[in-house]
């Protein structure tokens, strides 16, 4: 069930397939009803207005997934929630093959909080990570550091 109280919208998805991802389907339906809710997988890649931010995101995921320190790119609150990743062997290719910008939103003043950090901006990406294509939403605090992320 997807409930968006501020939009007076609830969407129930029933499935008999264990890997059907009902929330992804529900958010996809929400985006059909209200285009401002279109999920990243239904958006088209765009020219990146701030490629330096995307480069920091790529650096974070490459470092973190390789078992290297990425604490300079993230908030302390996120750092305490990340599980250590084993170090990659020397010569192992980067786990991040590509990150493409999809969209961004200035969400200052909207009351979005992740791990106790007020969120100022959200950016959506399509990424090739460890051979899989995924969609990422990256949340940034007021200081520009990564405060959280989610992906599917």
Protein backbone atom coordinates (compact mmCIF):
# COMPACT_ATOMS: atom_id res chain seq x y z
CA UNK A 1 0.00 0.00 0.00
CA UNK A 2 1.25 3.44 -0.91
CA UNK A 3 -0.31 6.29 1.07
CA UNK A 4 0.41 9.92 0.21
CA UNK A 5 -1.57 11.87 2.80
CA UNK A 6 -0.59 15.30 1.48
CA UNK A 7 -2.10 14.32 -1.90
CA UNK A 8 -5.15 12.51 -0.46
CA UNK A 9 -4.05 9.40 -2.32
CA UNK A 10 -3.78 5.74 -1.37
CA UNK A 11 -2.93 2.97 -3.81
CA UNK A 12 -3.25 -0.72 -2.97
CA UNK A 13 -1.40 -3.27 -5.06
CA UNK A 14 -2.22 -6.94 -4.70
CA UNK A 15 0.04 -9.53 -6.25
CA UNK A 16 0.66 -13.24 -6.01
CA UNK A 17 4.30 -12.97 -7.05
CA UNK A 18 6.82 -12.64 -4.19
CA UNK A 19 9.24 -10.44 -6.20
CA UNK A 20 6.65 -8.19 -7.88
CA UNK A 21 7.63 -5.07 -5.84
CA UNK A 22 4.16 -3.75 -4.98
CA UNK A 23 5.52 -0.41 -3.71
CA UNK A 24 7.32 0.21 -6.99
CA UNK A 25 4.10 -0.58 -8.86
CA UNK A 26 2.14 1.66 -6.46
CA UNK A 27 4.48 4.62 -6.92
CA UNK A 28 4.37 4.03 -10.68
CA UNK A 29 0.57 4.28 -10.58
CA UNK A 30 0.80 7.43 -8.42
CA UNK A 31 3.00 8.98 -11.11
CA UNK A 32 0.35 8.24 -13.75
CA UNK A 33 -2.26 10.04 -11.63
CA UNK A 34 -0.02 12.96 -10.61
CA UNK A 35 2.96 13.62 -12.94
CA UNK A 36 4.89 15.35 -10.12
CA UNK A 37 5.12 11.89 -8.49
CA UNK A 38 6.64 10.15 -11.51
CA UNK A 39 9.22 7.66 -10.18
CA UNK A 40 12.80 7.74 -11.52
CA UNK A 41 12.42 4.61 -13.65
CA UNK A 42 9.73 6.40 -15.70
CA UNK A 43 11.82 9.56 -16.24
CA UNK A 44 14.28 10.23 -19.03
CA UNK A 45 17.95 11.00 -18.46
CA UNK A 46 18.80 14.70 -18.80
CA UNK A 47 21.84 16.93 -19.14
CA UNK A 48 23.33 17.25 -15.67
CA UNK A 49 23.19 20.86 -14.41
CA UNK A 50 25.78 20.08 -11.68
CA UNK A 51 28.13 17.29 -12.86
CA UNK A 52 30.41 17.90 -9.86
CA UNK A 53 27.62 16.66 -7.55
CA UNK A 54 27.15 13.54 -9.68
CA UNK A 55 30.89 12.95 -9.53
CA UNK A 56 30.73 13.09 -5.71
CA UNK A 57 27.84 10.59 -5.74
CA UNK A 58 29.83 8.27 -8.02
CA UNK A 59 32.88 8.65 -5.78
CA UNK A 60 30.81 7.80 -2.69
CA UNK A 61 29.35 4.62 -4.17
CA UNK A 62 32.67 3.54 -5.70
CA UNK A 63 34.52 4.06 -2.40
CA UNK A 64 31.85 2.59 -0.15
CA UNK A 65 31.24 -0.50 -2.31
CA UNK A 66 35.00 -1.09 -2.58
CA UNK A 67 35.41 -1.00 1.20
CA UNK A 68 37.19 2.35 1.23
CA UNK A 69 36.50 5.34 3.47
CA UNK A 70 33.89 7.71 2.05
CA UNK A 71 33.12 9.61 5.26
CA UNK A 72 34.18 12.96 3.77
CA UNK A 73 31.25 12.73 1.34
CA UNK A 74 28.47 11.84 3.79
CA UNK A 75 26.88 13.19 6.94
CA UNK A 76 28.02 11.71 10.28
CA UNK A 77 24.44 10.48 10.79
CA UNK A 78 24.60 8.37 7.63
CA UNK A 79 28.11 7.15 8.46
CA UNK A 80 26.86 5.59 11.71
CA UNK A 81 24.24 3.59 9.78
CA UNK A 82 26.41 2.09 7.06
CA UNK A 83 27.71 -1.43 7.50
CA UNK A 84 31.39 -1.93 6.71
CA UNK A 85 32.00 -3.32 3.24
CA UNK A 86 34.92 -5.72 2.71
CA UNK A 87 37.85 -4.18 0.83
CA UNK A 88 38.09 -5.11 -2.84
CA UNK A 89 41.19 -6.87 -4.10
CA UNK A 90 43.85 -4.71 -5.75
CA UNK A 91 43.12 -4.37 -9.45
CA UNK A 92 39.39 -5.02 -9.07
CA UNK A 93 37.42 -2.72 -11.41
CA UNK A 94 35.23 -0.03 -9.87
CA UNK A 95 31.83 -1.38 -8.80
CA UNK A 96 30.24 1.69 -10.40
CA UNK A 97 30.32 1.51 -14.18
CA UNK A 98 28.10 4.51 -14.85
CA UNK A 99 25.81 7.07 -13.21
CA UNK A 100 23.44 9.15 -15.34
CA UNK A 101 21.53 12.18 -14.05
CA UNK A 102 17.73 12.01 -14.28
CA UNK A 103 16.38 14.90 -12.19
CA UNK A 104 16.81 16.99 -9.06
CA UNK A 105 14.54 18.79 -6.62
CA UNK A 106 15.17 21.60 -4.17
CA UNK A 107 13.21 20.44 -1.12
CA UNK A 108 14.35 23.00 1.46
CA UNK A 109 11.55 23.88 3.81
CA UNK A 110 9.45 20.82 2.92
CA UNK A 111 10.19 19.06 6.20
CA UNK A 112 11.98 16.04 4.71
CA UNK A 113 14.29 14.50 7.30
CA UNK A 114 16.54 11.45 6.87
CA UNK A 115 18.40 10.03 9.89
CA UNK A 116 17.80 13.28 11.77
CA UNK A 117 19.21 15.49 8.99
CA UNK A 118 17.04 18.09 7.25
CA UNK A 119 17.12 17.46 3.50
CA UNK A 120 17.82 20.37 1.15
CA UNK A 121 17.93 18.55 -2.19
CA UNK A 122 17.17 15.23 -3.83
CA UNK A 123 18.76 13.92 -7.02
CA UNK A 124 17.70 10.91 -9.08
CA UNK A 125 20.08 8.76 -11.09
CA UNK A 126 20.16 5.71 -13.30
CA UNK A 127 23.26 3.71 -12.41
CA UNK A 128 25.12 0.62 -13.52
CA UNK A 129 26.53 -0.83 -10.31
CA UNK A 130 28.18 -4.24 -10.14
CA UNK A 131 26.60 -5.18 -13.44
CA UNK A 132 23.04 -4.26 -12.46
CA UNK A 133 21.02 -1.28 -13.68
CA UNK A 134 19.41 0.47 -10.73
CA UNK A 135 17.66 3.73 -9.98
CA UNK A 136 18.97 5.82 -7.10
CA UNK A 137 17.53 8.68 -5.11
CA UNK A 138 20.24 10.55 -3.21
CA UNK A 139 19.31 12.93 -0.38
CA UNK A 140 21.58 15.88 0.46
CA UNK A 141 21.73 17.83 3.72
CA UNK A 142 22.06 21.61 3.98
CA UNK A 143 25.87 21.21 3.87
CA UNK A 144 25.72 19.41 0.50
CA UNK A 145 26.83 16.08 1.96
CA UNK A 146 24.96 12.85 1.23
CA UNK A 147 22.52 12.28 4.07
CA UNK A 148 20.88 9.12 2.70
CA UNK A 149 20.10 7.18 -0.44
CA UNK A 150 17.62 4.64 -1.67
CA UNK A 151 17.58 2.49 -4.74
CA UNK A 152 15.77 -0.19 -6.61
